[in-house]
Protein backbone atom coordinates (compact mmCIF):
# COMPACT_ATOMS: atom_id res chain seq x y z
CA MET A 1 0.17 0.00 -0.02
CA LYS A 2 2.99 2.42 0.72
CA GLU A 3 4.49 1.43 -2.60
CA GLU A 4 1.31 2.38 -4.49
CA THR A 5 0.94 5.89 -2.45
CA ALA A 6 4.59 6.50 -3.28
CA ALA A 7 4.01 5.86 -6.77
CA LYS A 8 0.98 7.95 -7.24
CA ARG A 9 2.51 10.86 -5.27
CA LYS A 10 4.21 13.09 -7.92
CA PRO A 11 7.76 14.13 -7.91
CA GLY A 12 8.31 17.36 -5.55
CA ARG A 13 5.22 16.38 -3.60
CA PRO A 14 5.61 16.16 0.10
CA LYS A 15 4.73 13.09 1.99
CA ASP A 16 1.07 12.73 3.32
CA GLY A 17 0.87 14.77 6.34
CA VAL A 18 4.46 16.27 6.35
CA ASP A 19 4.56 20.02 5.85
CA LEU A 20 8.22 21.01 5.26
CA ARG A 21 7.53 24.65 4.42
CA ASP A 22 8.97 25.97 7.43
CA THR A 23 12.09 23.79 7.26
CA ILE A 24 12.67 25.30 4.08
CA LEU A 25 11.94 28.78 5.32
CA ASP A 26 14.55 28.38 8.06
CA HIS A 27 17.27 27.28 5.73
CA ALA A 28 16.22 30.08 3.02
CA GLU A 29 16.48 32.54 5.78
CA MET A 30 20.18 31.51 6.54
CA ALA A 31 21.16 31.59 2.92
CA PHE A 32 19.34 34.96 1.94
CA ALA A 33 21.13 36.68 5.02
CA ASP A 34 24.63 35.28 4.27
CA GLN A 35 24.51 35.53 0.27
CA GLY A 36 21.55 38.10 -0.35
CA PHE A 37 18.83 37.45 -3.02
CA ALA A 38 21.07 37.26 -5.97
CA GLY A 39 24.20 35.12 -4.28
CA ALA A 40 21.48 32.47 -2.82
CA ARG A 41 20.73 29.52 -5.03
CA VAL A 42 17.62 27.43 -4.61
CA ARG A 43 19.78 23.99 -5.09
CA ASP A 44 21.93 25.17 -1.99
CA ILE A 45 18.77 25.90 -0.11
CA ALA A 46 17.26 22.66 -0.81
CA ALA A 47 20.48 20.95 0.21
CA ARG A 48 20.69 22.67 3.39
CA ALA A 49 17.03 21.69 4.07
CA GLY A 50 17.47 18.30 3.14
CA VAL A 51 14.78 18.27 0.22
CA ASN A 52 14.67 18.43 -3.39
CA GLN A 53 14.63 21.50 -5.57
CA ALA A 54 10.94 20.33 -7.03
CA LEU A 55 9.60 20.47 -3.37
CA ILE A 56 10.60 24.13 -3.02
CA ARG A 57 8.98 24.98 -6.30
CA TYR A 58 5.83 22.98 -5.15
CA TYR A 59 5.67 25.21 -2.19
CA PHE A 60 6.97 28.44 -3.27
CA GLU A 61 7.32 28.30 -7.16
CA THR A 62 9.83 30.74 -7.72
CA LYS A 63 13.12 31.94 -5.63
CA ALA A 64 11.55 35.49 -5.40
CA ASN A 65 8.38 34.17 -3.76
CA LEU A 66 10.45 32.02 -1.54
CA PHE A 67 12.50 35.41 -0.51
CA ASP A 68 9.10 37.05 -0.05
CA GLU A 69 7.62 34.49 2.48
CA VAL A 70 10.93 34.67 4.39
CA VAL A 71 10.67 38.26 4.82
CA ARG A 72 6.95 38.37 5.43
CA ARG A 73 6.99 35.60 8.15
CA ARG A 74 9.35 37.12 10.71
CA GLY A 75 8.84 40.67 9.47
CA GLY A 76 5.04 40.15 10.06
CA THR A 77 5.77 38.82 13.44
CA LEU A 78 8.22 41.89 14.15
CA SER A 79 5.44 44.14 13.17
CA MET A 80 2.75 42.33 15.00
CA HIS A 81 4.76 42.80 18.31
CA ARG A 82 5.48 46.49 17.85
CA HIS A 83 1.38 46.83 17.56
CA LEU A 84 1.07 45.01 20.55
CA LEU A 85 3.70 46.94 22.53
CA LEU A 86 2.18 50.19 21.47
CA ASP A 87 -1.33 49.08 22.39
CA LYS A 88 -0.20 48.48 26.08
CA LEU A 89 1.83 51.59 26.22
CA LEU A 90 -0.93 53.73 25.03
CA ALA A 91 -3.26 52.07 27.59
CA ARG A 92 -1.01 52.35 30.20
CA GLU A 93 -0.33 55.91 29.50
CA ALA A 94 -2.65 58.83 28.42
CA GLN A 95 0.58 60.49 26.71
CA PRO A 96 3.73 58.34 26.56
CA ASP A 97 6.85 60.29 26.30
CA VAL A 98 9.31 60.07 23.21
CA SER A 99 11.53 57.60 24.85
CA GLN A 100 8.85 54.92 25.70
CA ILE A 101 7.58 55.18 22.39
CA VAL A 102 10.94 54.80 20.85
CA HIS A 103 11.67 51.87 23.31
CA ALA A 104 8.46 50.23 22.31
CA TYR A 105 9.52 50.45 18.57
CA LEU A 106 13.12 49.10 18.94
CA LEU A 107 12.50 46.22 21.42
CA PRO A 108 11.06 43.71 19.34
CA GLN A 109 13.92 43.93 17.17
CA TRP A 110 16.41 43.68 19.85
CA GLU A 111 14.46 40.53 20.99
CA MET A 112 14.25 38.77 17.71
CA LYS A 113 18.14 39.28 17.16
CA TYR A 114 19.11 37.42 20.65
CA SER A 115 16.05 34.94 20.19
CA GLY A 116 18.45 32.45 18.26
CA PRO A 117 20.39 32.00 15.11
CA GLY A 118 17.17 32.44 12.91
CA GLY A 119 16.29 35.59 14.46
CA GLU A 120 20.03 36.80 14.35
CA ALA A 121 19.95 35.99 10.40
CA PHE A 122 16.47 38.01 9.79
CA VAL A 123 18.27 41.12 11.50
CA ARG A 124 21.00 40.44 8.66
CA LEU A 125 18.66 40.02 6.10
CA GLN A 126 16.49 43.12 7.15
CA ALA A 127 19.82 45.32 6.77
CA ARG A 128 20.35 43.86 3.25
CA LEU A 129 16.64 44.57 2.10
CA HIS A 130 16.81 47.93 3.52
CA ALA A 131 19.86 48.57 1.35
CA GLU A 132 18.14 47.17 -1.81
CA PRO A 133 16.68 49.95 -3.74
CA GLU A 134 14.83 48.01 -6.59
CA GLU A 135 11.00 48.49 -6.54
CA HIS A 136 10.46 44.99 -5.58
CA ALA A 137 12.27 45.30 -2.19
CA LEU A 138 10.77 48.74 -1.53
CA GLN A 139 7.07 47.28 -2.11
CA LEU A 140 7.74 44.22 0.06
CA ARG A 141 9.14 46.75 3.05
CA ARG A 142 6.01 48.73 2.45
CA GLU A 143 3.83 45.67 2.75
CA VAL A 144 5.45 44.24 5.83
CA TYR A 145 6.48 47.37 7.72
CA ASP A 146 4.52 50.36 6.91
CA GLU A 147 1.44 49.94 8.78
CA SER A 148 3.28 49.58 12.20
CA VAL A 149 5.81 52.50 11.15
CA LYS A 150 3.11 54.91 10.61
CA ARG A 151 1.46 54.25 13.73
CA PHE A 152 4.55 55.06 15.68
CA ILE A 153 4.85 57.96 13.40
CA THR A 154 1.39 59.09 14.83
CA ALA A 155 2.35 58.44 18.39
CA LEU A 156 5.59 60.49 18.31
CA SER A 157 3.69 63.23 16.52
CA ALA A 158 1.29 63.24 19.39
CA ALA A 159 4.40 63.44 21.86
CA LEU A 160 5.86 66.28 20.06
CA PRO A 161 3.02 68.60 18.78
CA HIS A 162 5.28 71.15 18.16
CA ILE A 163 7.34 69.56 15.35
CA PRO A 164 5.63 68.74 12.03
CA ARG A 165 4.82 65.37 11.20
CA GLU A 166 7.15 65.45 7.91
CA THR A 167 9.75 66.09 10.17
CA ILE A 168 8.96 63.27 12.73
CA SER A 169 8.80 61.00 9.61
CA LEU A 170 12.25 61.99 8.35
CA ARG A 171 13.72 61.67 11.67
CA MET A 172 12.15 58.13 12.02
CA ALA A 173 13.65 57.23 8.76
CA PHE A 174 17.18 58.35 10.45
CA LEU A 175 16.07 55.78 13.42
CA VAL A 176 15.63 52.88 11.33
CA GLY A 177 19.17 53.38 9.65
CA THR A 178 20.97 53.84 12.83
CA TYR A 179 19.19 51.01 14.80
CA LEU A 180 20.20 48.43 12.04
CA PHE A 181 23.52 49.91 11.45
CA MET A 182 23.92 49.09 15.24
CA LEU A 183 22.37 46.05 15.65
CA ASN A 184 24.09 44.32 12.77
CA ASP A 185 27.53 45.34 14.78
CA LEU A 186 28.63 47.74 12.05
CA GLY A 187 29.54 50.60 14.34
CA ARG A 188 33.33 49.81 14.85
CA LEU A 189 33.09 51.05 18.34
CA ASP A 190 36.45 49.26 19.52
CA ASP A 191 38.38 51.26 16.76
CA MET A 192 36.77 54.38 17.05
CA SER A 193 37.47 54.28 20.94
CA ASP A 194 40.89 52.83 20.27
CA GLY A 195 40.18 49.70 22.38
CA GLN A 196 38.32 51.50 25.21
CA ILE A 197 35.10 50.15 24.11
CA GLY A 198 34.61 46.50 23.76
CA ALA A 199 31.53 44.44 23.28
CA ILE A 200 28.36 46.30 24.49
CA GLY A 201 25.59 43.94 26.04
CA LYS A 202 22.14 43.78 24.47
CA GLU A 203 20.49 45.95 27.26
CA ALA A 204 23.18 48.50 27.31
CA MET A 205 23.07 49.05 23.53
CA LEU A 206 19.45 49.35 23.59
CA HIS A 207 19.35 51.75 26.42
CA HIS A 208 22.16 53.80 24.80
CA LEU A 209 20.32 54.06 21.61
CA VAL A 210 16.93 54.91 22.87
CA ARG A 211 18.41 57.90 24.54
CA PHE A 212 20.42 58.92 21.82
CA LEU A 213 17.40 58.53 19.11
CA SER A 214 14.90 59.94 21.43
CA ALA A 215 17.18 63.21 21.87
CA GLY A 216 17.12 63.45 17.79
CA MET A 217 13.77 62.72 17.48
CA SER A 218 12.86 65.36 20.04
CA ALA A 219 15.52 68.15 18.82
CA PRO A 220 14.38 71.59 18.38
CA LEU A 221 13.56 72.91 14.71
CA ALA A 222 15.93 75.00 13.31
């Protein structure tokens, strides 16, 4: 009976009751983080995941669709976490201050990086995605992140009513660029401090960034 079932199953189809989608996404995440979209090859992802390329085509059809699903999966979790933290903050505080809002925005990213190899890989992949100017990458970023980002811009505008929303939006772009740069350990702290600053822990780095970015967000207009 098992032989008949196997014979009827087309090449590239998963076994009955077995869903390997997440396994493939996990390994694709690592490959895209290490090599980027152009550098990662489907056959290498398949080898990492222990499946054949036909199975990746069965689930995702194309490499582009696979990449998009990798970004949507963890990026969607990140955005949802930001929504939840902002909801809790607004329920607790009639008017939260800027540092509380900035902390709520950054915290999910910090927790993701330190959640394990997959979370760390996704943070690296995010930096690649944000550095990619192609229209498809921009559209993917809009789809995954814009709703939560705009909610935080609205919250910051309420906390800083004397600063125009367009200026808050510009400063939010500065915030995103800064935290991605530092979260990916690109700051060369040891070099710039002549060895006086070594590795900074997770909580200390978040604390420093919240203070710095909050001050920049609140800076008076020229």
